[in-house]
Amino acid sequence: ALGDETGSTRDSAVAVVAADDPIA
């Protein structure tokens, strides 16, 4: 309904992978 700007309170996660370590 709102596209990407939902402003939802539900949790989200961000995974960060080192550029020199493609498989971890």
PDBML (XML) file of the C-alpha atoms, coordinates in Angstrom:
<?xml version="1.0" encoding="UTF-8" ?>
<PDBx:datablock datablockName="MODEL"
   xmlns:PDBx="http://pdbml.pdb.org/schema/pdbx-v50.xsd"
   xmlns:xsi="http://www.w3.org/2001/XMLSchema-instance"
   xsi:schemaLocation="http://pdbml.pdb.org/schema/pdbx-v50.xsd pdbx-v50.xsd">
   <PDBx:atom_siteCategory>
      <PDBx:atom_site id="1">
         <PDBx:B_iso_or_equiv>0.00</PDBx:B_iso_or_equiv>
         <PDBx:Cartn_x>0.000</PDBx:Cartn_x>
         <PDBx:Cartn_y>0.000</PDBx:Cartn_y>
         <PDBx:Cartn_z>0.000</PDBx:Cartn_z>
         <PDBx:auth_asym_id>A</PDBx:auth_asym_id>
         <PDBx:auth_atom_id>CA</PDBx:auth_atom_id>
         <PDBx:auth_comp_id>ALA</PDBx:auth_comp_id>
         <PDBx:auth_seq_id>1</PDBx:auth_seq_id>
         <PDBx:group_PDB>ATOM</PDBx:group_PDB>
         <PDBx:label_alt_id xsi:nil="true" />
         <PDBx:label_asym_id>A</PDBx:label_asym_id>
         <PDBx:label_atom_id>CA</PDBx:label_atom_id>
         <PDBx:label_comp_id>ALA</PDBx:label_comp_id>
         <PDBx:label_entity_id>1</PDBx:label_entity_id>
         <PDBx:label_seq_id>1</PDBx:label_seq_id>
         <PDBx:occupancy>1.00</PDBx:occupancy>
         <PDBx:pdbx_PDB_model_num>1</PDBx:pdbx_PDB_model_num>
         <PDBx:type_symbol>C</PDBx:type_symbol>
      </PDBx:atom_site>
      <PDBx:atom_site id="2">
         <PDBx:B_iso_or_equiv>0.00</PDBx:B_iso_or_equiv>
         <PDBx:Cartn_x>2.815</PDBx:Cartn_x>
         <PDBx:Cartn_y>2.402</PDBx:Cartn_y>
         <PDBx:Cartn_z>0.848</PDBx:Cartn_z>
         <PDBx:auth_asym_id>A</PDBx:auth_asym_id>
         <PDBx:auth_atom_id>CA</PDBx:auth_atom_id>
         <PDBx:auth_comp_id>LEU</PDBx:auth_comp_id>
         <PDBx:auth_seq_id>2</PDBx:auth_seq_id>
         <PDBx:group_PDB>ATOM</PDBx:group_PDB>
         <PDBx:label_alt_id xsi:nil="true" />
         <PDBx:label_asym_id>A</PDBx:label_asym_id>
         <PDBx:label_atom_id>CA</PDBx:label_atom_id>
         <PDBx:label_comp_id>LEU</PDBx:label_comp_id>
         <PDBx:label_entity_id>1</PDBx:label_entity_id>
         <PDBx:label_seq_id>2</PDBx:label_seq_id>
         <PDBx:occupancy>1.00</PDBx:occupancy>
         <PDBx:pdbx_PDB_model_num>1</PDBx:pdbx_PDB_model_num>
         <PDBx:type_symbol>C</PDBx:type_symbol>
      </PDBx:atom_site>
      <PDBx:atom_site id="3">
         <PDBx:B_iso_or_equiv>0.00</PDBx:B_iso_or_equiv>
         <PDBx:Cartn_x>5.695</PDBx:Cartn_x>
         <PDBx:Cartn_y>1.117</PDBx:Cartn_y>
         <PDBx:Cartn_z>-1.262</PDBx:Cartn_z>
         <PDBx:auth_asym_id>A</PDBx:auth_asym_id>
         <PDBx:auth_atom_id>CA</PDBx:auth_atom_id>
         <PDBx:auth_comp_id>GLY</PDBx:auth_comp_id>
         <PDBx:auth_seq_id>3</PDBx:auth_seq_id>
         <PDBx:group_PDB>ATOM</PDBx:group_PDB>
         <PDBx:label_alt_id xsi:nil="true" />
         <PDBx:label_asym_id>A</PDBx:label_asym_id>
         <PDBx:label_atom_id>CA</PDBx:label_atom_id>
         <PDBx:label_comp_id>GLY</PDBx:label_comp_id>
         <PDBx:label_entity_id>1</PDBx:label_entity_id>
         <PDBx:label_seq_id>3</PDBx:label_seq_id>
         <PDBx:occupancy>1.00</PDBx:occupancy>
         <PDBx:pdbx_PDB_model_num>1</PDBx:pdbx_PDB_model_num>
         <PDBx:type_symbol>C</PDBx:type_symbol>
      </PDBx:atom_site>
      <PDBx:atom_site id="4">
         <PDBx:B_iso_or_equiv>0.00</PDBx:B_iso_or_equiv>
         <PDBx:Cartn_x>9.095</PDBx:Cartn_x>
         <PDBx:Cartn_y>1.070</PDBx:Cartn_y>
         <PDBx:Cartn_z>0.425</PDBx:Cartn_z>
         <PDBx:auth_asym_id>A</PDBx:auth_asym_id>
         <PDBx:auth_atom_id>CA</PDBx:auth_atom_id>
         <PDBx:auth_comp_id>ASP</PDBx:auth_comp_id>
         <PDBx:auth_seq_id>4</PDBx:auth_seq_id>
         <PDBx:group_PDB>ATOM</PDBx:group_PDB>
         <PDBx:label_alt_id xsi:nil="true" />
         <PDBx:label_asym_id>A</PDBx:label_asym_id>
         <PDBx:label_atom_id>CA</PDBx:label_atom_id>
         <PDBx:label_comp_id>ASP</PDBx:label_comp_id>
         <PDBx:label_entity_id>1</PDBx:label_entity_id>
         <PDBx:label_seq_id>4</PDBx:label_seq_id>
         <PDBx:occupancy>1.00</PDBx:occupancy>
         <PDBx:pdbx_PDB_model_num>1</PDBx:pdbx_PDB_model_num>
         <PDBx:type_symbol>C</PDBx:type_symbol>
      </PDBx:atom_site>
      <PDBx:atom_site id="5">
         <PDBx:B_iso_or_equiv>0.00</PDBx:B_iso_or_equiv>
         <PDBx:Cartn_x>8.256</PDBx:Cartn_x>
         <PDBx:Cartn_y>3.909</PDBx:Cartn_y>
         <PDBx:Cartn_z>2.827</PDBx:Cartn_z>
         <PDBx:auth_asym_id>A</PDBx:auth_asym_id>
         <PDBx:auth_atom_id>CA</PDBx:auth_atom_id>
         <PDBx:auth_comp_id>GLU</PDBx:auth_comp_id>
         <PDBx:auth_seq_id>5</PDBx:auth_seq_id>
         <PDBx:group_PDB>ATOM</PDBx:group_PDB>
         <PDBx:label_alt_id xsi:nil="true" />
         <PDBx:label_asym_id>A</PDBx:label_asym_id>
         <PDBx:label_atom_id>CA</PDBx:label_atom_id>
         <PDBx:label_comp_id>GLU</PDBx:label_comp_id>
         <PDBx:label_entity_id>1</PDBx:label_entity_id>
         <PDBx:label_seq_id>5</PDBx:label_seq_id>
         <PDBx:occupancy>1.00</PDBx:occupancy>
         <PDBx:pdbx_PDB_model_num>1</PDBx:pdbx_PDB_model_num>
         <PDBx:type_symbol>C</PDBx:type_symbol>
      </PDBx:atom_site>
      <PDBx:atom_site id="6">
         <PDBx:B_iso_or_equiv>0.00</PDBx:B_iso_or_equiv>
         <PDBx:Cartn_x>6.037</PDBx:Cartn_x>
         <PDBx:Cartn_y>1.870</PDBx:Cartn_y>
         <PDBx:Cartn_z>5.154</PDBx:Cartn_z>
         <PDBx:auth_asym_id>A</PDBx:auth_asym_id>
         <PDBx:auth_atom_id>CA</PDBx:auth_atom_id>
         <PDBx:auth_comp_id>THR</PDBx:auth_comp_id>
         <PDBx:auth_seq_id>6</PDBx:auth_seq_id>
         <PDBx:group_PDB>ATOM</PDBx:group_PDB>
         <PDBx:label_alt_id xsi:nil="true" />
         <PDBx:label_asym_id>A</PDBx:label_asym_id>
         <PDBx:label_atom_id>CA</PDBx:label_atom_id>
         <PDBx:label_comp_id>THR</PDBx:label_comp_id>
         <PDBx:label_entity_id>1</PDBx:label_entity_id>
         <PDBx:label_seq_id>6</PDBx:label_seq_id>
         <PDBx:occupancy>1.00</PDBx:occupancy>
         <PDBx:pdbx_PDB_model_num>1</PDBx:pdbx_PDB_model_num>
         <PDBx:type_symbol>C</PDBx:type_symbol>
      </PDBx:atom_site>
      <PDBx:atom_site id="7">
         <PDBx:B_iso_or_equiv>0.00</PDBx:B_iso_or_equiv>
         <PDBx:Cartn_x>7.318</PDBx:Cartn_x>
         <PDBx:Cartn_y>3.248</PDBx:Cartn_y>
         <PDBx:Cartn_z>8.393</PDBx:Cartn_z>
         <PDBx:auth_asym_id>A</PDBx:auth_asym_id>
         <PDBx:auth_atom_id>CA</PDBx:auth_atom_id>
         <PDBx:auth_comp_id>GLY</PDBx:auth_comp_id>
         <PDBx:auth_seq_id>7</PDBx:auth_seq_id>
         <PDBx:group_PDB>ATOM</PDBx:group_PDB>
         <PDBx:label_alt_id xsi:nil="true" />
         <PDBx:label_asym_id>A</PDBx:label_asym_id>
         <PDBx:label_atom_id>CA</PDBx:label_atom_id>
         <PDBx:label_comp_id>GLY</PDBx:label_comp_id>
         <PDBx:label_entity_id>1</PDBx:label_entity_id>
         <PDBx:label_seq_id>7</PDBx:label_seq_id>
         <PDBx:occupancy>1.00</PDBx:occupancy>
         <PDBx:pdbx_PDB_model_num>1</PDBx:pdbx_PDB_model_num>
         <PDBx:type_symbol>C</PDBx:type_symbol>
      </PDBx:atom_site>
      <PDBx:atom_site id="8">
         <PDBx:B_iso_or_equiv>0.00</PDBx:B_iso_or_equiv>
         <PDBx:Cartn_x>6.341</PDBx:Cartn_x>
         <PDBx:Cartn_y>-0.082</PDBx:Cartn_y>
         <PDBx:Cartn_z>9.943</PDBx:Cartn_z>
         <PDBx:auth_asym_id>A</PDBx:auth_asym_id>
         <PDBx:auth_atom_id>CA</PDBx:auth_atom_id>
         <PDBx:auth_comp_id>SER</PDBx:auth_comp_id>
         <PDBx:auth_seq_id>8</PDBx:auth_seq_id>
         <PDBx:group_PDB>ATOM</PDBx:group_PDB>
         <PDBx:label_alt_id xsi:nil="true" />
         <PDBx:label_asym_id>A</PDBx:label_asym_id>
         <PDBx:label_atom_id>CA</PDBx:label_atom_id>
         <PDBx:label_comp_id>SER</PDBx:label_comp_id>
         <PDBx:label_entity_id>1</PDBx:label_entity_id>
         <PDBx:label_seq_id>8</PDBx:label_seq_id>
         <PDBx:occupancy>1.00</PDBx:occupancy>
         <PDBx:pdbx_PDB_model_num>1</PDBx:pdbx_PDB_model_num>
         <PDBx:type_symbol>C</PDBx:type_symbol>
      </PDBx:atom_site>
      <PDBx:atom_site id="9">
         <PDBx:B_iso_or_equiv>0.00</PDBx:B_iso_or_equiv>
         <PDBx:Cartn_x>7.403</PDBx:Cartn_x>
         <PDBx:Cartn_y>-0.883</PDBx:Cartn_y>
         <PDBx:Cartn_z>13.471</PDBx:Cartn_z>
         <PDBx:auth_asym_id>A</PDBx:auth_asym_id>
         <PDBx:auth_atom_id>CA</PDBx:auth_atom_id>
         <PDBx:auth_comp_id>THR</PDBx:auth_comp_id>
         <PDBx:auth_seq_id>9</PDBx:auth_seq_id>
         <PDBx:group_PDB>ATOM</PDBx:group_PDB>
         <PDBx:label_alt_id xsi:nil="true" />
         <PDBx:label_asym_id>A</PDBx:label_asym_id>
         <PDBx:label_atom_id>CA</PDBx:label_atom_id>
         <PDBx:label_comp_id>THR</PDBx:label_comp_id>
         <PDBx:label_entity_id>1</PDBx:label_entity_id>
         <PDBx:label_seq_id>9</PDBx:label_seq_id>
         <PDBx:occupancy>1.00</PDBx:occupancy>
         <PDBx:pdbx_PDB_model_num>1</PDBx:pdbx_PDB_model_num>
         <PDBx:type_symbol>C</PDBx:type_symbol>
      </PDBx:atom_site>
      <PDBx:atom_site id="10">
         <PDBx:B_iso_or_equiv>0.00</PDBx:B_iso_or_equiv>
         <PDBx:Cartn_x>8.280</PDBx:Cartn_x>
         <PDBx:Cartn_y>-4.447</PDBx:Cartn_y>
         <PDBx:Cartn_z>12.492</PDBx:Cartn_z>
         <PDBx:auth_asym_id>A</PDBx:auth_asym_id>
         <PDBx:auth_atom_id>CA</PDBx:auth_atom_id>
         <PDBx:auth_comp_id>ARG</PDBx:auth_comp_id>
         <PDBx:auth_seq_id>10</PDBx:auth_seq_id>
         <PDBx:group_PDB>ATOM</PDBx:group_PDB>
         <PDBx:label_alt_id xsi:nil="true" />
         <PDBx:label_asym_id>A</PDBx:label_asym_id>
         <PDBx:label_atom_id>CA</PDBx:label_atom_id>
         <PDBx:label_comp_id>ARG</PDBx:label_comp_id>
         <PDBx:label_entity_id>1</PDBx:label_entity_id>
         <PDBx:label_seq_id>10</PDBx:label_seq_id>
         <PDBx:occupancy>1.00</PDBx:occupancy>
         <PDBx:pdbx_PDB_model_num>1</PDBx:pdbx_PDB_model_num>
         <PDBx:type_symbol>C</PDBx:type_symbol>
      </PDBx:atom_site>
      <PDBx:atom_site id="11">
         <PDBx:B_iso_or_equiv>0.00</PDBx:B_iso_or_equiv>
         <PDBx:Cartn_x>11.920</PDBx:Cartn_x>
         <PDBx:Cartn_y>-5.388</PDBx:Cartn_y>
         <PDBx:Cartn_z>12.877</PDBx:Cartn_z>
         <PDBx:auth_asym_id>A</PDBx:auth_asym_id>
         <PDBx:auth_atom_id>CA</PDBx:auth_atom_id>
         <PDBx:auth_comp_id>ASP</PDBx:auth_comp_id>
         <PDBx:auth_seq_id>11</PDBx:auth_seq_id>
         <PDBx:group_PDB>ATOM</PDBx:group_PDB>
         <PDBx:label_alt_id xsi:nil="true" />
         <PDBx:label_asym_id>A</PDBx:label_asym_id>
         <PDBx:label_atom_id>CA</PDBx:label_atom_id>
         <PDBx:label_comp_id>ASP</PDBx:label_comp_id>
         <PDBx:label_entity_id>1</PDBx:label_entity_id>
         <PDBx:label_seq_id>11</PDBx:label_seq_id>
         <PDBx:occupancy>1.00</PDBx:occupancy>
         <PDBx:pdbx_PDB_model_num>1</PDBx:pdbx_PDB_model_num>
         <PDBx:type_symbol>C</PDBx:type_symbol>
      </PDBx:atom_site>
      <PDBx:atom_site id="12">
         <PDBx:B_iso_or_equiv>0.00</PDBx:B_iso_or_equiv>
         <PDBx:Cartn_x>14.311</PDBx:Cartn_x>
         <PDBx:Cartn_y>-5.580</PDBx:Cartn_y>
         <PDBx:Cartn_z>9.962</PDBx:Cartn_z>
         <PDBx:auth_asym_id>A</PDBx:auth_asym_id>
         <PDBx:auth_atom_id>CA</PDBx:auth_atom_id>
         <PDBx:auth_comp_id>SER</PDBx:auth_comp_id>
         <PDBx:auth_seq_id>12</PDBx:auth_seq_id>
         <PDBx:group_PDB>ATOM</PDBx:group_PDB>
         <PDBx:label_alt_id xsi:nil="true" />
         <PDBx:label_asym_id>A</PDBx:label_asym_id>
         <PDBx:label_atom_id>CA</PDBx:label_atom_id>
         <PDBx:label_comp_id>SER</PDBx:label_comp_id>
         <PDBx:label_entity_id>1</PDBx:label_entity_id>
         <PDBx:label_seq_id>12</PDBx:label_seq_id>
         <PDBx:occupancy>1.00</PDBx:occupancy>
         <PDBx:pdbx_PDB_model_num>1</PDBx:pdbx_PDB_model_num>
         <PDBx:type_symbol>C</PDBx:type_symbol>
      </PDBx:atom_site>
      <PDBx:atom_site id="13">
         <PDBx:B_iso_or_equiv>0.00</PDBx:B_iso_or_equiv>
         <PDBx:Cartn_x>17.848</PDBx:Cartn_x>
         <PDBx:Cartn_y>-6.884</PDBx:Cartn_y>
         <PDBx:Cartn_z>9.699</PDBx:Cartn_z>
         <PDBx:auth_asym_id>A</PDBx:auth_asym_id>
         <PDBx:auth_atom_id>CA</PDBx:auth_atom_id>
         <PDBx:auth_comp_id>ALA</PDBx:auth_comp_id>
         <PDBx:auth_seq_id>13</PDBx:auth_seq_id>
         <PDBx:group_PDB>ATOM</PDBx:group_PDB>
         <PDBx:label_alt_id xsi:nil="true" />
         <PDBx:label_asym_id>A</PDBx:label_asym_id>
         <PDBx:label_atom_id>CA</PDBx:label_atom_id>
         <PDBx:label_comp_id>ALA</PDBx:label_comp_id>
         <PDBx:label_entity_id>1</PDBx:label_entity_id>
         <PDBx:label_seq_id>13</PDBx:label_seq_id>
         <PDBx:occupancy>1.00</PDBx:occupancy>
         <PDBx:pdbx_PDB_model_num>1</PDBx:pdbx_PDB_model_num>
         <PDBx:type_symbol>C</PDBx:type_symbol>
      </PDBx:atom_site>
      <PDBx:atom_site id="14">
         <PDBx:B_iso_or_equiv>0.00</PDBx:B_iso_or_equiv>
         <PDBx:Cartn_x>20.871</PDBx:Cartn_x>
         <PDBx:Cartn_y>-5.710</PDBx:Cartn_y>
         <PDBx:Cartn_z>7.741</PDBx:Cartn_z>
         <PDBx:auth_asym_id>A</PDBx:auth_asym_id>
         <PDBx:auth_atom_id>CA</PDBx:auth_atom_id>
         <PDBx:auth_comp_id>VAL</PDBx:auth_comp_id>
         <PDBx:auth_seq_id>14</PDBx:auth_seq_id>
         <PDBx:group_PDB>ATOM</PDBx:group_PDB>
         <PDBx:label_alt_id xsi:nil="true" />
         <PDBx:label_asym_id>A</PDBx:label_asym_id>
         <PDBx:label_atom_id>CA</PDBx:label_atom_id>
         <PDBx:label_comp_id>VAL</PDBx:label_comp_id>
         <PDBx:label_entity_id>1</PDBx:label_entity_id>
         <PDBx:label_seq_id>14</PDBx:label_seq_id>
         <PDBx:occupancy>1.00</PDBx:occupancy>
         <PDBx:pdbx_PDB_model_num>1</PDBx:pdbx_PDB_model_num>
         <PDBx:type_symbol>C</PDBx:type_symbol>
      </PDBx:atom_site>
      <PDBx:atom_site id="15">
         <PDBx:B_iso_or_equiv>0.00</PDBx:B_iso_or_equiv>
         <PDBx:Cartn_x>23.581</PDBx:Cartn_x>
         <PDBx:Cartn_y>-8.203</PDBx:Cartn_y>
         <PDBx:Cartn_z>6.880</PDBx:Cartn_z>
         <PDBx:auth_asym_id>A</PDBx:auth_asym_id>
         <PDBx:auth_atom_id>CA</PDBx:auth_atom_id>
         <PDBx:auth_comp_id>ALA</PDBx:auth_comp_id>
         <PDBx:auth_seq_id>15</PDBx:auth_seq_id>
         <PDBx:group_PDB>ATOM</PDBx:group_PDB>
         <PDBx:label_alt_id xsi:nil="true" />
         <PDBx:label_asym_id>A</PDBx:label_asym_id>
         <PDBx:label_atom_id>CA</PDBx:label_atom_id>
         <PDBx:label_comp_id>ALA</PDBx:label_comp_id>
         <PDBx:label_entity_id>1</PDBx:label_entity_id>
         <PDBx:label_seq_id>15</PDBx:label_seq_id>
         <PDBx:occupancy>1.00</PDBx:occupancy>
         <PDBx:pdbx_PDB_model_num>1</PDBx:pdbx_PDB_model_num>
         <PDBx:type_symbol>C</PDBx:type_symbol>
      </PDBx:atom_site>
      <PDBx:atom_site id="16">
         <PDBx:B_iso_or_equiv>0.00</PDBx:B_iso_or_equiv>
         <PDBx:Cartn_x>27.057</PDBx:Cartn_x>
         <PDBx:Cartn_y>-6.803</PDBx:Cartn_y>
         <PDBx:Cartn_z>6.292</PDBx:Cartn_z>
         <PDBx:auth_asym_id>A</PDBx:auth_asym_id>
         <PDBx:auth_atom_id>CA</PDBx:auth_atom_id>
         <PDBx:auth_comp_id>VAL</PDBx:auth_comp_id>
         <PDBx:auth_seq_id>16</PDBx:auth_seq_id>
         <PDBx:group_PDB>ATOM</PDBx:group_PDB>
         <PDBx:label_alt_id xsi:nil="true" />
         <PDBx:label_asym_id>A</PDBx:label_asym_id>
         <PDBx:label_atom_id>CA</PDBx:label_atom_id>
         <PDBx:label_comp_id>VAL</PDBx:label_comp_id>
         <PDBx:label_entity_id>1</PDBx:label_entity_id>
         <PDBx:label_seq_id>16</PDBx:label_seq_id>
         <PDBx:occupancy>1.00</PDBx:occupancy>
         <PDBx:pdbx_PDB_model_num>1</PDBx:pdbx_PDB_model_num>
         <PDBx:type_symbol>C</PDBx:type_symbol>
      </PDBx:atom_site>
      <PDBx:atom_site id="17">
         <PDBx:B_iso_or_equiv>0.00</PDBx:B_iso_or_equiv>
         <PDBx:Cartn_x>29.621</PDBx:Cartn_x>
         <PDBx:Cartn_y>-8.885</PDBx:Cartn_y>
         <PDBx:Cartn_z>4.396</PDBx:Cartn_z>
         <PDBx:auth_asym_id>A</PDBx:auth_asym_id>
         <PDBx:auth_atom_id>CA</PDBx:auth_atom_id>
         <PDBx:auth_comp_id>VAL</PDBx:auth_comp_id>
         <PDBx:auth_seq_id>17</PDBx:auth_seq_id>
         <PDBx:group_PDB>ATOM</PDBx:group_PDB>
         <PDBx:label_alt_id xsi:nil="true" />
         <PDBx:label_asym_id>A</PDBx:label_asym_id>
         <PDBx:label_atom_id>CA</PDBx:label_atom_id>
         <PDBx:label_comp_id>VAL</PDBx:label_comp_id>
         <PDBx:label_entity_id>1</PDBx:label_entity_id>
         <PDBx:label_seq_id>17</PDBx:label_seq_id>
         <PDBx:occupancy>1.00</PDBx:occupancy>
         <PDBx:pdbx_PDB_model_num>1</PDBx:pdbx_PDB_model_num>
         <PDBx:type_symbol>C</PDBx:type_symbol>
      </PDBx:atom_site>
      <PDBx:atom_site id="18">
         <PDBx:B_iso_or_equiv>0.00</PDBx:B_iso_or_equiv>
         <PDBx:Cartn_x>33.245</PDBx:Cartn_x>
         <PDBx:Cartn_y>-7.895</PDBx:Cartn_y>
         <PDBx:Cartn_z>4.127</PDBx:Cartn_z>
         <PDBx:auth_asym_id>A</PDBx:auth_asym_id>
         <PDBx:auth_atom_id>CA</PDBx:auth_atom_id>
         <PDBx:auth_comp_id>ALA</PDBx:auth_comp_id>
         <PDBx:auth_seq_id>18</PDBx:auth_seq_id>
         <PDBx:group_PDB>ATOM</PDBx:group_PDB>
         <PDBx:label_alt_id xsi:nil="true" />
         <PDBx:label_asym_id>A</PDBx:label_asym_id>
         <PDBx:label_atom_id>CA</PDBx:label_atom_id>
         <PDBx:label_comp_id>ALA</PDBx:label_comp_id>
         <PDBx:label_entity_id>1</PDBx:label_entity_id>
         <PDBx:label_seq_id>18</PDBx:label_seq_id>
         <PDBx:occupancy>1.00</PDBx:occupancy>
         <PDBx:pdbx_PDB_model_num>1</PDBx:pdbx_PDB_model_num>
         <PDBx:type_symbol>C</PDBx:type_symbol>
      </PDBx:atom_site>
      <PDBx:atom_site id="19">
         <PDBx:B_iso_or_equiv>0.00</PDBx:B_iso_or_equiv>
         <PDBx:Cartn_x>34.248</PDBx:Cartn_x>
         <PDBx:Cartn_y>-7.042</PDBx:Cartn_y>
         <PDBx:Cartn_z>0.556</PDBx:Cartn_z>
         <PDBx:auth_asym_id>A</PDBx:auth_asym_id>
         <PDBx:auth_atom_id>CA</PDBx:auth_atom_id>
         <PDBx:auth_comp_id>ALA</PDBx:auth_comp_id>
         <PDBx:auth_seq_id>19</PDBx:auth_seq_id>
         <PDBx:group_PDB>ATOM</PDBx:group_PDB>
         <PDBx:label_alt_id xsi:nil="true" />
         <PDBx:label_asym_id>A</PDBx:label_asym_id>
         <PDBx:label_atom_id>CA</PDBx:label_atom_id>
         <PDBx:label_comp_id>ALA</PDBx:label_comp_id>
         <PDBx:label_entity_id>1</PDBx:label_entity_id>
         <PDBx:label_seq_id>19</PDBx:label_seq_id>
         <PDBx:occupancy>1.00</PDBx:occupancy>
         <PDBx:pdbx_PDB_model_num>1</PDBx:pdbx_PDB_model_num>
         <PDBx:type_symbol>C</PDBx:type_symbol>
      </PDBx:atom_site>
      <PDBx:atom_site id="20">
         <PDBx:B_iso_or_equiv>0.00</PDBx:B_iso_or_equiv>
         <PDBx:Cartn_x>37.260</PDBx:Cartn_x>
         <PDBx:Cartn_y>-9.381</PDBx:Cartn_y>
         <PDBx:Cartn_z>0.654</PDBx:Cartn_z>
         <PDBx:auth_asym_id>A</PDBx:auth_asym_id>
         <PDBx:auth_atom_id>CA</PDBx:auth_atom_id>
         <PDBx:auth_comp_id>ASP</PDBx:auth_comp_id>
         <PDBx:auth_seq_id>20</PDBx:auth_seq_id>
         <PDBx:group_PDB>ATOM</PDBx:group_PDB>
         <PDBx:label_alt_id xsi:nil="true" />
         <PDBx:label_asym_id>A</PDBx:label_asym_id>
         <PDBx:label_atom_id>CA</PDBx:label_atom_id>
         <PDBx:label_comp_id>ASP</PDBx:label_comp_id>
         <PDBx:label_entity_id>1</PDBx:label_entity_id>
         <PDBx:label_seq_id>20</PDBx:label_seq_id>
         <PDBx:occupancy>1.00</PDBx:occupancy>
         <PDBx:pdbx_PDB_model_num>1</PDBx:pdbx_PDB_model_num>
         <PDBx:type_symbol>C</PDBx:type_symbol>
      </PDBx:atom_site>
      <PDBx:atom_site id="21">
         <PDBx:B_iso_or_equiv>0.00</PDBx:B_iso_or_equiv>
         <PDBx:Cartn_x>35.330</PDBx:Cartn_x>
         <PDBx:Cartn_y>-12.347</PDBx:Cartn_y>
         <PDBx:Cartn_z>2.111</PDBx:Cartn_z>
         <PDBx:auth_asym_id>A</PDBx:auth_asym_id>
         <PDBx:auth_atom_id>CA</PDBx:auth_atom_id>
         <PDBx:auth_comp_id>ASP</PDBx:auth_comp_id>
         <PDBx:auth_seq_id>21</PDBx:auth_seq_id>
         <PDBx:group_PDB>ATOM</PDBx:group_PDB>
         <PDBx:label_alt_id xsi:nil="true" />
         <PDBx:label_asym_id>A</PDBx:label_asym_id>
         <PDBx:label_atom_id>CA</PDBx:label_atom_id>
         <PDBx:label_comp_id>ASP</PDBx:label_comp_id>
         <PDBx:label_entity_id>1</PDBx:label_entity_id>
         <PDBx:label_seq_id>21</PDBx:label_seq_id>
         <PDBx:occupancy>1.00</PDBx:occupancy>
         <PDBx:pdbx_PDB_model_num>1</PDBx:pdbx_PDB_model_num>
         <PDBx:type_symbol>C</PDBx:type_symbol>
      </PDBx:atom_site>
      <PDBx:atom_site id="22">
         <PDBx:B_iso_or_equiv>0.00</PDBx:B_iso_or_equiv>
         <PDBx:Cartn_x>32.646</PDBx:Cartn_x>
         <PDBx:Cartn_y>-13.416</PDBx:Cartn_y>
         <PDBx:Cartn_z>-0.390</PDBx:Cartn_z>
         <PDBx:auth_asym_id>A</PDBx:auth_asym_id>
         <PDBx:auth_atom_id>CA</PDBx:auth_atom_id>
         <PDBx:auth_comp_id>PRO</PDBx:auth_comp_id>
         <PDBx:auth_seq_id>22</PDBx:auth_seq_id>
         <PDBx:group_PDB>ATOM</PDBx:group_PDB>
         <PDBx:label_alt_id xsi:nil="true" />
         <PDBx:label_asym_id>A</PDBx:label_asym_id>
         <PDBx:label_atom_id>CA</PDBx:label_atom_id>
         <PDBx:label_comp_id>PRO</PDBx:label_comp_id>
         <PDBx:label_entity_id>1</PDBx:label_entity_id>
         <PDBx:label_seq_id>22</PDBx:label_seq_id>
         <PDBx:occupancy>1.00</PDBx:occupancy>
         <PDBx:pdbx_PDB_model_num>1</PDBx:pdbx_PDB_model_num>
         <PDBx:type_symbol>C</PDBx:type_symbol>
      </PDBx:atom_site>
      <PDBx:atom_site id="23">
         <PDBx:B_iso_or_equiv>0.00</PDBx:B_iso_or_equiv>
         <PDBx:Cartn_x>31.830</PDBx:Cartn_x>
         <PDBx:Cartn_y>-16.660</PDBx:Cartn_y>
         <PDBx:Cartn_z>1.476</PDBx:Cartn_z>
         <PDBx:auth_asym_id>A</PDBx:auth_asym_id>
         <PDBx:auth_atom_id>CA</PDBx:auth_atom_id>
         <PDBx:auth_comp_id>ILE</PDBx:auth_comp_id>
         <PDBx:auth_seq_id>23</PDBx:auth_seq_id>
         <PDBx:group_PDB>ATOM</PDBx:group_PDB>
         <PDBx:label_alt_id xsi:nil="true" />
         <PDBx:label_asym_id>A</PDBx:label_asym_id>
         <PDBx:label_atom_id>CA</PDBx:label_atom_id>
         <PDBx:label_comp_id>ILE</PDBx:label_comp_id>
         <PDBx:label_entity_id>1</PDBx:label_entity_id>
         <PDBx:label_seq_id>23</PDBx:label_seq_id>
         <PDBx:occupancy>1.00</PDBx:occupancy>
         <PDBx:pdbx_PDB_model_num>1</PDBx:pdbx_PDB_model_num>
         <PDBx:type_symbol>C</PDBx:type_symbol>
      </PDBx:atom_site>
      <PDBx:atom_site id="24">
         <PDBx:B_iso_or_equiv>0.00</PDBx:B_iso_or_equiv>
         <PDBx:Cartn_x>31.447</PDBx:Cartn_x>
         <PDBx:Cartn_y>-16.546</PDBx:Cartn_y>
         <PDBx:Cartn_z>5.243</PDBx:Cartn_z>
         <PDBx:auth_asym_id>A</PDBx:auth_asym_id>
         <PDBx:auth_atom_id>CA</PDBx:auth_atom_id>
         <PDBx:auth_comp_id>ALA</PDBx:auth_comp_id>
         <PDBx:auth_seq_id>24</PDBx:auth_seq_id>
         <PDBx:group_PDB>ATOM</PDBx:group_PDB>
         <PDBx:label_alt_id xsi:nil="true" />
         <PDBx:label_asym_id>A</PDBx:label_asym_id>
         <PDBx:label_atom_id>CA</PDBx:label_atom_id>
         <PDBx:label_comp_id>ALA</PDBx:label_comp_id>
         <PDBx:label_entity_id>1</PDBx:label_entity_id>
         <PDBx:label_seq_id>24</PDBx:label_seq_id>
         <PDBx:occupancy>1.00</PDBx:occupancy>
         <PDBx:pdbx_PDB_model_num>1</PDBx:pdbx_PDB_model_num>
         <PDBx:type_symbol>C</PDBx:type_symbol>
      </PDBx:atom_site>
   </PDBx:atom_siteCategory>
</PDBx:datablock>
